[in-house]
C-alpha atoms as a PDB file:
ATOM      1  CA  UNK A   1      -4.752  15.389   9.810  1.00  0.00           C
ATOM      2  CA  UNK A   2      -1.756  13.974  11.263  1.00  0.00           C
ATOM      3  CA  UNK A   3       0.181  11.542   9.345  1.00  0.00           C
ATOM      4  CA  UNK A   4       3.105   9.335  10.678  1.00  0.00           C
ATOM      5  CA  UNK A   5       5.438   7.868   7.932  1.00  0.00           C
ATOM      6  CA  UNK A   6       7.558   5.225   9.257  1.00  0.00           C
ATOM      7  CA  UNK A   7      11.145   4.714   8.346  1.00  0.00           C
ATOM      8  CA  UNK A   8      13.381   1.900   8.401  1.00  0.00           C
ATOM      9  CA  UNK A   9      16.884   1.305   7.108  1.00  0.00           C
ATOM     10  CA  UNK A  10      16.533   0.875   3.456  1.00  0.00           C
ATOM     11  CA  UNK A  11      13.194   2.742   2.870  1.00  0.00           C
ATOM     12  CA  UNK A  12      13.389   5.159  -0.062  1.00  0.00           C
ATOM     13  CA  UNK A  13       9.865   6.439  -0.437  1.00  0.00           C
ATOM     14  CA  UNK A  14       9.462   8.283   2.963  1.00  0.00           C
ATOM     15  CA  UNK A  15      10.152  11.704   1.610  1.00  0.00           C
ATOM     16  CA  UNK A  16       7.856  11.226  -1.871  1.00  0.00           C
ATOM     17  CA  UNK A  17       5.079   9.995   0.635  1.00  0.00           C
ATOM     18  CA  UNK A  18       5.506  13.156   3.089  1.00  0.00           C
ATOM     19  CA  UNK A  19       5.758  15.329   0.056  1.00  0.00           C
ATOM     20  CA  UNK A  20       2.378  13.880  -1.214  1.00  0.00           C
ATOM     21  CA  UNK A  21       0.439  14.285   1.786  1.00  0.00           C
ATOM     22  CA  UNK A  22       1.933  17.726   2.423  1.00  0.00           C
ATOM     23  CA  UNK A  23       0.993  18.943  -1.051  1.00  0.00           C
ATOM     24  CA  UNK A  24      -2.761  18.038  -0.149  1.00  0.00           C
ATOM     25  CA  UNK A  25      -2.172  20.232   2.853  1.00  0.00           C
ATOM     26  CA  UNK A  26      -1.657  17.765   5.869  1.00  0.00           C
ATOM     27  CA  UNK A  27       0.971  17.566   8.724  1.00  0.00           C
ATOM     28  CA  UNK A  28       3.369  14.705   8.265  1.00  0.00           C
ATOM     29  CA  UNK A  29       6.009  13.590  10.715  1.00  0.00           C
ATOM     30  CA  UNK A  30       8.742  10.922   9.986  1.00  0.00           C
ATOM     31  CA  UNK A  31       8.700   8.263  12.753  1.00  0.00           C
ATOM     32  CA  UNK A  32      12.110   6.240  13.121  1.00  0.00           C
ATOM     33  CA  UNK A  33      11.821   2.301  13.244  1.00  0.00           C
ATOM     34  CA  UNK A  34      13.261   2.204  16.446  1.00  0.00           C
ATOM     35  CA  UNK A  35      10.981   4.512  18.037  1.00  0.00           C
ATOM     36  CA  UNK A  36       8.123   2.708  20.608  1.00  0.00           C
ATOM     37  CA  UNK A  37       5.564   5.159  20.094  1.00  0.00           C
ATOM     38  CA  UNK A  38       3.342   6.870  17.280  1.00  0.00           C
ATOM     39  CA  UNK A  39       3.370  10.417  17.662  1.00  0.00           C
ATOM     40  CA  UNK A  40       0.264  11.636  19.732  1.00  0.00           C
ATOM     41  CA  UNK A  41      -2.843  12.535  17.702  1.00  0.00           C
ATOM     42  CA  UNK A  42      -1.771  10.256  14.674  1.00  0.00           C
ATOM     43  CA  UNK A  43      -4.728   9.880  12.455  1.00  0.00           C
ATOM     44  CA  UNK A  44      -3.097   7.933   9.494  1.00  0.00           C
ATOM     45  CA  UNK A  45       0.063   5.318   9.584  1.00  0.00           C
ATOM     46  CA  UNK A  46       1.799   4.986   6.171  1.00  0.00           C
ATOM     47  CA  UNK A  47       4.386   2.325   5.828  1.00  0.00           C
ATOM     48  CA  UNK A  48       6.302   3.521   2.811  1.00  0.00           C
ATOM     49  CA  UNK A  49       8.168   1.874  -0.278  1.00  0.00           C
ATOM     50  CA  UNK A  50      11.684   0.698  -0.155  1.00  0.00           C
ATOM     51  CA  UNK A  51      14.010  -2.056   0.669  1.00  0.00           C
ATOM     52  CA  UNK A  52      13.420  -2.268   4.285  1.00  0.00           C
ATOM     53  CA  UNK A  53      16.819  -4.086   5.896  1.00  0.00           C
ATOM     54  CA  UNK A  54      17.900  -4.723   2.080  1.00  0.00           C
ATOM     55  CA  UNK A  55      14.996  -6.805   1.924  1.00  0.00           C
ATOM     56  CA  UNK A  56      17.040 -10.096   3.577  1.00  0.00           C
ATOM     57  CA  UNK A  57      15.452 -13.171   4.162  1.00  0.00           C
ATOM     58  CA  UNK A  58      12.379 -11.939   2.265  1.00  0.00           C
ATOM     59  CA  UNK A  59      10.769  -8.672   1.581  1.00  0.00           C
ATOM     60  CA  UNK A  60       9.638  -6.810   4.937  1.00  0.00           C
ATOM     61  CA  UNK A  61      10.527 -10.274   6.991  1.00  0.00           C
ATOM     62  CA  UNK A  62      12.927  -8.209   9.501  1.00  0.00           C
ATOM     63  CA  UNK A  63      10.852  -5.159   9.642  1.00  0.00           C
ATOM     64  CA  UNK A  64       8.186  -6.448  11.280  1.00  0.00           C
ATOM     65  CA  UNK A  65      10.178  -6.790  14.403  1.00  0.00           C
ATOM     66  CA  UNK A  66      10.871  -3.132  14.640  1.00  0.00           C
ATOM     67  CA  UNK A  67       9.946  -1.402  17.749  1.00  0.00           C
ATOM     68  CA  UNK A  68       7.621   0.920  15.804  1.00  0.00           C
ATOM     69  CA  UNK A  69       5.895  -2.174  14.375  1.00  0.00           C
ATOM     70  CA  UNK A  70       4.194  -3.158  17.711  1.00  0.00           C
ATOM     71  CA  UNK A  71       2.657   0.253  18.191  1.00  0.00           C
ATOM     72  CA  UNK A  72       1.400   0.447  14.642  1.00  0.00           C
ATOM     73  CA  UNK A  73      -0.076  -3.156  14.981  1.00  0.00           C
ATOM     74  CA  UNK A  74      -1.703  -2.038  18.089  1.00  0.00           C
ATOM     75  CA  UNK A  75      -2.961   1.336  16.281  1.00  0.00           C
ATOM     76  CA  UNK A  76      -4.376  -0.734  13.406  1.00  0.00           C
ATOM     77  CA  UNK A  77      -6.195  -3.279  16.031  1.00  0.00           C
ATOM     78  CA  UNK A  78      -7.644  -0.328  17.885  1.00  0.00           C
ATOM     79  CA  UNK A  79      -9.032   0.850  14.727  1.00  0.00           C
ATOM     80  CA  UNK A  80      -6.489   3.416  13.333  1.00  0.00           C
ATOM     81  CA  UNK A  81      -5.849   3.691   9.706  1.00  0.00           C
ATOM     82  CA  UNK A  82      -2.771   2.395   8.268  1.00  0.00           C
ATOM     83  CA  UNK A  83      -1.821   2.542   4.495  1.00  0.00           C
ATOM     84  CA  UNK A  84       0.973   0.254   3.275  1.00  0.00           C
ATOM     85  CA  UNK A  85       2.541   1.078  -0.283  1.00  0.00           C
ATOM     86  CA  UNK A  86       4.811  -1.484  -1.733  1.00  0.00           C
ATOM     87  CA  UNK A  87       7.378  -2.791   0.920  1.00  0.00           C
ATOM     88  CA  UNK A  88       4.962  -1.214   3.235  1.00  0.00           C
ATOM     89  CA  UNK A  89       2.167  -3.758   1.982  1.00  0.00           C
ATOM     90  CA  UNK A  90       4.857  -6.488   2.289  1.00  0.00           C
ATOM     91  CA  UNK A  91       5.149  -5.374   5.819  1.00  0.00           C
ATOM     92  CA  UNK A  92       1.309  -5.565   6.507  1.00  0.00           C
ATOM     93  CA  UNK A  93       1.414  -8.897   5.159  1.00  0.00           C
ATOM     94  CA  UNK A  94       4.466 -10.177   7.122  1.00  0.00           C
ATOM     95  CA  UNK A  95       2.527  -8.663  10.333  1.00  0.00           C
ATOM     96  CA  UNK A  96      -0.453 -10.425   9.944  1.00  0.00           C
ATOM     97  CA  UNK A  97      -2.613  -7.065   9.339  1.00  0.00           C
ATOM     98  CA  UNK A  98      -3.351  -8.333   6.023  1.00  0.00           C
ATOM     99  CA  UNK A  99      -3.894 -11.721   4.765  1.00  0.00           C
ATOM    100  CA  UNK A 100      -2.080 -13.493   1.700  1.00  0.00           C
ATOM    101  CA  UNK A 101       1.665 -13.572   1.246  1.00  0.00           C
ATOM    102  CA  UNK A 102       4.451 -11.957  -1.419  1.00  0.00           C
ATOM    103  CA  UNK A 103       6.167 -13.903  -3.793  1.00  0.00           C
ATOM    104  CA  UNK A 104       9.175 -12.929  -6.431  1.00  0.00           C
ATOM    105  CA  UNK A 105       7.522 -11.559  -9.349  1.00  0.00           C
ATOM    106  CA  UNK A 106       6.616 -14.430 -12.062  1.00  0.00           C
ATOM    107  CA  UNK A 107       9.198 -13.513 -14.570  1.00  0.00           C
ATOM    108  CA  UNK A 108      12.079 -13.024 -11.446  1.00  0.00           C
ATOM    109  CA  UNK A 109      12.598  -9.430 -12.444  1.00  0.00           C
ATOM    110  CA  UNK A 110      12.358  -6.201 -10.970  1.00  0.00           C
ATOM    111  CA  UNK A 111       9.394  -4.205 -12.585  1.00  0.00           C
ATOM    112  CA  UNK A 112       9.602  -0.465 -12.946  1.00  0.00           C
ATOM    113  CA  UNK A 113       6.668   1.554 -15.071  1.00  0.00           C
ATOM    114  CA  UNK A 114       3.503   2.990 -15.108  1.00  0.00           C
ATOM    115  CA  UNK A 115       0.598   0.783 -15.097  1.00  0.00           C
ATOM    116  CA  UNK A 116      -3.215   0.557 -15.142  1.00  0.00           C
ATOM    117  CA  UNK A 117      -5.690  -0.212 -12.236  1.00  0.00           C
ATOM    118  CA  UNK A 118      -9.077  -0.995 -11.881  1.00  0.00           C
ATOM    119  CA  UNK A 119     -11.126   0.152  -8.847  1.00  0.00           C
ATOM    120  CA  UNK A 120     -12.743  -3.083  -7.611  1.00  0.00           C
ATOM    121  CA  UNK A 121     -14.424  -1.708  -4.362  1.00  0.00           C
ATOM    122  CA  UNK A 122     -14.911   1.925  -3.063  1.00  0.00           C
ATOM    123  CA  UNK A 123     -17.060   1.331   0.214  1.00  0.00           C
ATOM    124  CA  UNK A 124     -13.766   2.184   2.160  1.00  0.00           C
ATOM    125  CA  UNK A 125     -11.984   5.220   3.327  1.00  0.00           C
ATOM    126  CA  UNK A 126      -9.009   4.801   1.113  1.00  0.00           C
ATOM    127  CA  UNK A 127     -10.585   4.401  -2.361  1.00  0.00           C
ATOM    128  CA  UNK A 128     -13.904   6.344  -1.529  1.00  0.00           C
ATOM    129  CA  UNK A 129     -13.077   9.539  -4.118  1.00  0.00           C
ATOM    130  CA  UNK A 130     -12.993   6.779  -6.787  1.00  0.00           C
ATOM    131  CA  UNK A 131     -15.644   5.028  -8.719  1.00  0.00           C
ATOM    132  CA  UNK A 132     -16.074   1.067  -9.079  1.00  0.00           C
ATOM    133  CA  UNK A 133     -14.606   0.291 -12.526  1.00  0.00           C
ATOM    134  CA  UNK A 134     -12.382   3.500 -12.720  1.00  0.00           C
ATOM    135  CA  UNK A 135      -9.022   3.056 -14.380  1.00  0.00           C
ATOM    136  CA  UNK A 136      -5.909   4.738 -12.743  1.00  0.00           C
ATOM    137  CA  UNK A 137      -2.453   5.258 -13.944  1.00  0.00           C
ATOM    138  CA  UNK A 138       0.025   4.806 -11.184  1.00  0.00           C
ATOM    139  CA  UNK A 139       3.751   3.339 -11.356  1.00  0.00           C
ATOM    140  CA  UNK A 140       4.773   0.070  -9.883  1.00  0.00           C
ATOM    141  CA  UNK A 141       8.547  -0.660  -8.620  1.00  0.00           C
ATOM    142  CA  UNK A 142       9.005  -4.057  -7.255  1.00  0.00           C
ATOM    143  CA  UNK A 143      10.737  -7.270  -7.517  1.00  0.00           C
ATOM    144  CA  UNK A 144       8.521  -9.139  -5.131  1.00  0.00           C
ATOM    145  CA  UNK A 145       5.102  -7.886  -5.748  1.00  0.00           C
ATOM    146  CA  UNK A 146       3.106 -11.136  -6.765  1.00  0.00           C
ATOM    147  CA  UNK A 147       0.425 -11.375  -4.202  1.00  0.00           C
ATOM    148  CA  UNK A 148      -0.722 -14.929  -3.364  1.00  0.00           C
ATOM    149  CA  UNK A 149      -3.897 -16.279  -1.372  1.00  0.00           C
ATOM    150  CA  UNK A 150      -5.536 -19.818  -1.348  1.00  0.00           C
ATOM    151  CA  UNK A 151      -8.943 -20.369  -3.156  1.00  0.00           C
ATOM    152  CA  UNK A 152     -10.547 -20.191   0.260  1.00  0.00           C
ATOM    153  CA  UNK A 153      -9.090 -17.025   1.031  1.00  0.00           C
ATOM    154  CA  UNK A 154      -9.549 -15.333  -2.331  1.00  0.00           C
ATOM    155  CA  UNK A 155     -13.099 -15.860  -1.991  1.00  0.00           C
ATOM    156  CA  UNK A 156     -13.089 -14.295   1.347  1.00  0.00           C
ATOM    157  CA  UNK A 157     -11.601 -11.408   0.263  1.00  0.00           C
ATOM    158  CA  UNK A 158     -14.500 -10.926  -2.529  1.00  0.00           C
ATOM    159  CA  UNK A 159     -17.019 -11.539  -0.192  1.00  0.00           C
ATOM    160  CA  UNK A 160     -15.973  -8.819   2.080  1.00  0.00           C
ATOM    161  CA  UNK A 161     -15.155  -6.646  -0.532  1.00  0.00           C
ATOM    162  CA  UNK A 162     -11.212  -6.694   0.410  1.00  0.00           C
ATOM    163  CA  UNK A 163     -10.002  -6.684  -3.262  1.00  0.00           C
ATOM    164  CA  UNK A 164      -9.627  -2.948  -3.704  1.00  0.00           C
ATOM    165  CA  UNK A 165      -7.288  -2.762  -7.052  1.00  0.00           C
ATOM    166  CA  UNK A 166      -6.323  -5.115 -10.096  1.00  0.00           C
ATOM    167  CA  UNK A 167      -3.925  -4.638 -12.797  1.00  0.00           C
ATOM    168  CA  UNK A 168      -5.226  -4.003 -16.126  1.00  0.00           C
ATOM    169  CA  UNK A 169      -4.217  -2.397 -19.575  1.00  0.00           C
ATOM    170  CA  UNK A 170      -5.429   1.242 -20.747  1.00  0.00           C
ATOM    171  CA  UNK A 171      -8.944  -0.469 -21.826  1.00  0.00           C
ATOM    172  CA  UNK A 172      -9.474  -2.283 -18.536  1.00  0.00           C
ATOM    173  CA  UNK A 173      -8.683  -5.755 -19.415  1.00  0.00           C
ATOM    174  CA  UNK A 174      -6.443  -7.745 -17.163  1.00  0.00           C
ATOM    175  CA  UNK A 175      -2.885  -7.332 -17.706  1.00  0.00           C
ATOM    176  CA  UNK A 176      -0.831  -8.979 -14.574  1.00  0.00           C
ATOM    177  CA  UNK A 177       2.598  -7.744 -14.610  1.00  0.00           C
ATOM    178  CA  UNK A 178       3.758  -9.673 -11.729  1.00  0.00           C
ATOM    179  CA  UNK A 179       1.794 -13.139 -11.539  1.00  0.00           C
ATOM    180  CA  UNK A 180      -0.322 -11.855  -8.722  1.00  0.00           C
ATOM    181  CA  UNK A 181      -3.691 -14.113  -7.948  1.00  0.00           C
ATOM    182  CA  UNK A 182      -6.411 -12.637  -9.841  1.00  0.00           C
ATOM    183  CA  UNK A 183      -4.260  -9.935 -11.000  1.00  0.00           C
ATOM    184  CA  UNK A 184      -4.665  -8.269  -7.576  1.00  0.00           C
ATOM    185  CA  UNK A 185      -2.854  -4.980  -7.057  1.00  0.00           C
ATOM    186  CA  UNK A 186      -4.198  -3.911  -3.475  1.00  0.00           C
ATOM    187  CA  UNK A 187      -6.304  -5.390  -0.616  1.00  0.00           C
ATOM    188  CA  UNK A 188      -7.860  -3.946   2.972  1.00  0.00           C
ATOM    189  CA  UNK A 189      -8.670  -6.161   5.998  1.00  0.00           C
ATOM    190  CA  UNK A 190     -11.925  -7.143   6.800  1.00  0.00           C
ATOM    191  CA  UNK A 191     -12.618  -3.698   9.192  1.00  0.00           C
ATOM    192  CA  UNK A 192     -11.624  -1.521   6.395  1.00  0.00           C
ATOM    193  CA  UNK A 193      -8.909   0.311   8.258  1.00  0.00           C
ATOM    194  CA  UNK A 194      -5.820  -1.195   6.982  1.00  0.00           C
ATOM    195  CA  UNK A 195      -4.841  -0.915   3.256  1.00  0.00           C
ATOM    196  CA  UNK A 196      -2.040  -2.389   1.076  1.00  0.00           C
ATOM    197  CA  UNK A 197      -1.186  -2.103  -2.561  1.00  0.00           C
ATOM    198  CA  UNK A 198       2.059  -2.648  -4.765  1.00  0.00           C
ATOM    199  CA  UNK A 199       1.528   0.668  -6.751  1.00  0.00           C
ATOM    200  CA  UNK A 200       2.677   3.900  -5.871  1.00  0.00           C
ATOM    201  CA  UNK A 201      -0.046   6.795  -5.615  1.00  0.00           C
ATOM    202  CA  UNK A 202       2.489   9.130  -3.995  1.00  0.00           C
ATOM    203  CA  UNK A 203       4.491   9.123  -7.286  1.00  0.00           C
ATOM    204  CA  UNK A 204       1.295  10.089  -8.991  1.00  0.00           C
ATOM    205  CA  UNK A 205       0.259  13.446  -7.607  1.00  0.00           C
ATOM    206  CA  UNK A 206       1.450  15.508 -10.584  1.00  0.00           C
ATOM    207  CA  UNK A 207       0.741  15.557 -14.351  1.00  0.00           C
ATOM    208  CA  UNK A 208       4.020  16.869 -14.976  1.00  0.00           C
ATOM    209  CA  UNK A 209       5.364  13.498 -13.677  1.00  0.00           C
ATOM    210  CA  UNK A 210       3.173  11.180 -15.702  1.00  0.00           C
ATOM    211  CA  UNK A 211       0.131  11.109 -13.778  1.00  0.00           C
ATOM    212  CA  UNK A 212      -1.992  12.920 -11.002  1.00  0.00           C
ATOM    213  CA  UNK A 213      -4.248  10.043 -10.163  1.00  0.00           C
ATOM    214  CA  UNK A 214      -2.584   9.016  -6.859  1.00  0.00           C
ATOM    215  CA  UNK A 215      -3.975  12.469  -5.830  1.00  0.00           C
ATOM    216  CA  UNK A 216      -7.815  11.003  -5.746  1.00  0.00           C
ATOM    217  CA  UNK A 217      -6.531   7.841  -3.961  1.00  0.00           C
ATOM    218  CA  UNK A 218      -4.750   9.533  -1.187  1.00  0.00           C
ATOM    219  CA  UNK A 219      -7.562  12.343  -0.546  1.00  0.00           C
ATOM    220  CA  UNK A 220     -10.018   9.501   0.574  1.00  0.00           C
ATOM    221  CA  UNK A 221      -8.114   9.766   3.869  1.00  0.00           C
ATOM    222  CA  UNK A 222      -8.973  13.338   4.438  1.00  0.00           C
ATOM    223  CA  UNK A 223     -12.369  13.131   5.227  1.00  0.00           C
END
């Protein structure tokens, strides 16, 4: 599988992402934001975490105008698989590839810690290796990660199994670190080929670093 990882000014997770997929035996190419085309044969595009363009205006508001994003949008609209992690999730929302919006964390502080997640839906490529209700322990690191969507939009997300992950404690009870609506940590589009989450599975692929739960998540793309 060929994984294209887009790199923007201020991105800081592209090497971690590259390492994670290479550890899973995949070929990874870093694609600069000024490129206008994705590598031929790309199977998965990953928009990694960081602070694209310094998060001026608001997170990912500038990145969506980068030349590579037109190619990413075209790729997604043709059914190609796209994964947005943290700032990448923010990009997907800004580009309208995913519904909703991102706000500052409820406590207005940057949060960096491990946090438990509950798998809500696994009828998708990303989480097919996980079980519904399974708890995962994955790092979060964001200052503008409070996901918002109106009531009608929220009902539609659940109706279409687009809510993928929610924030919980180690027992599976709701523990919302940032004020996200319904404690949502990750969603997908209706077609289930575009996925976004604020937590960092690429930082949870080795037990020596605290957790390997990210492996099972990323492995979903390998089938």
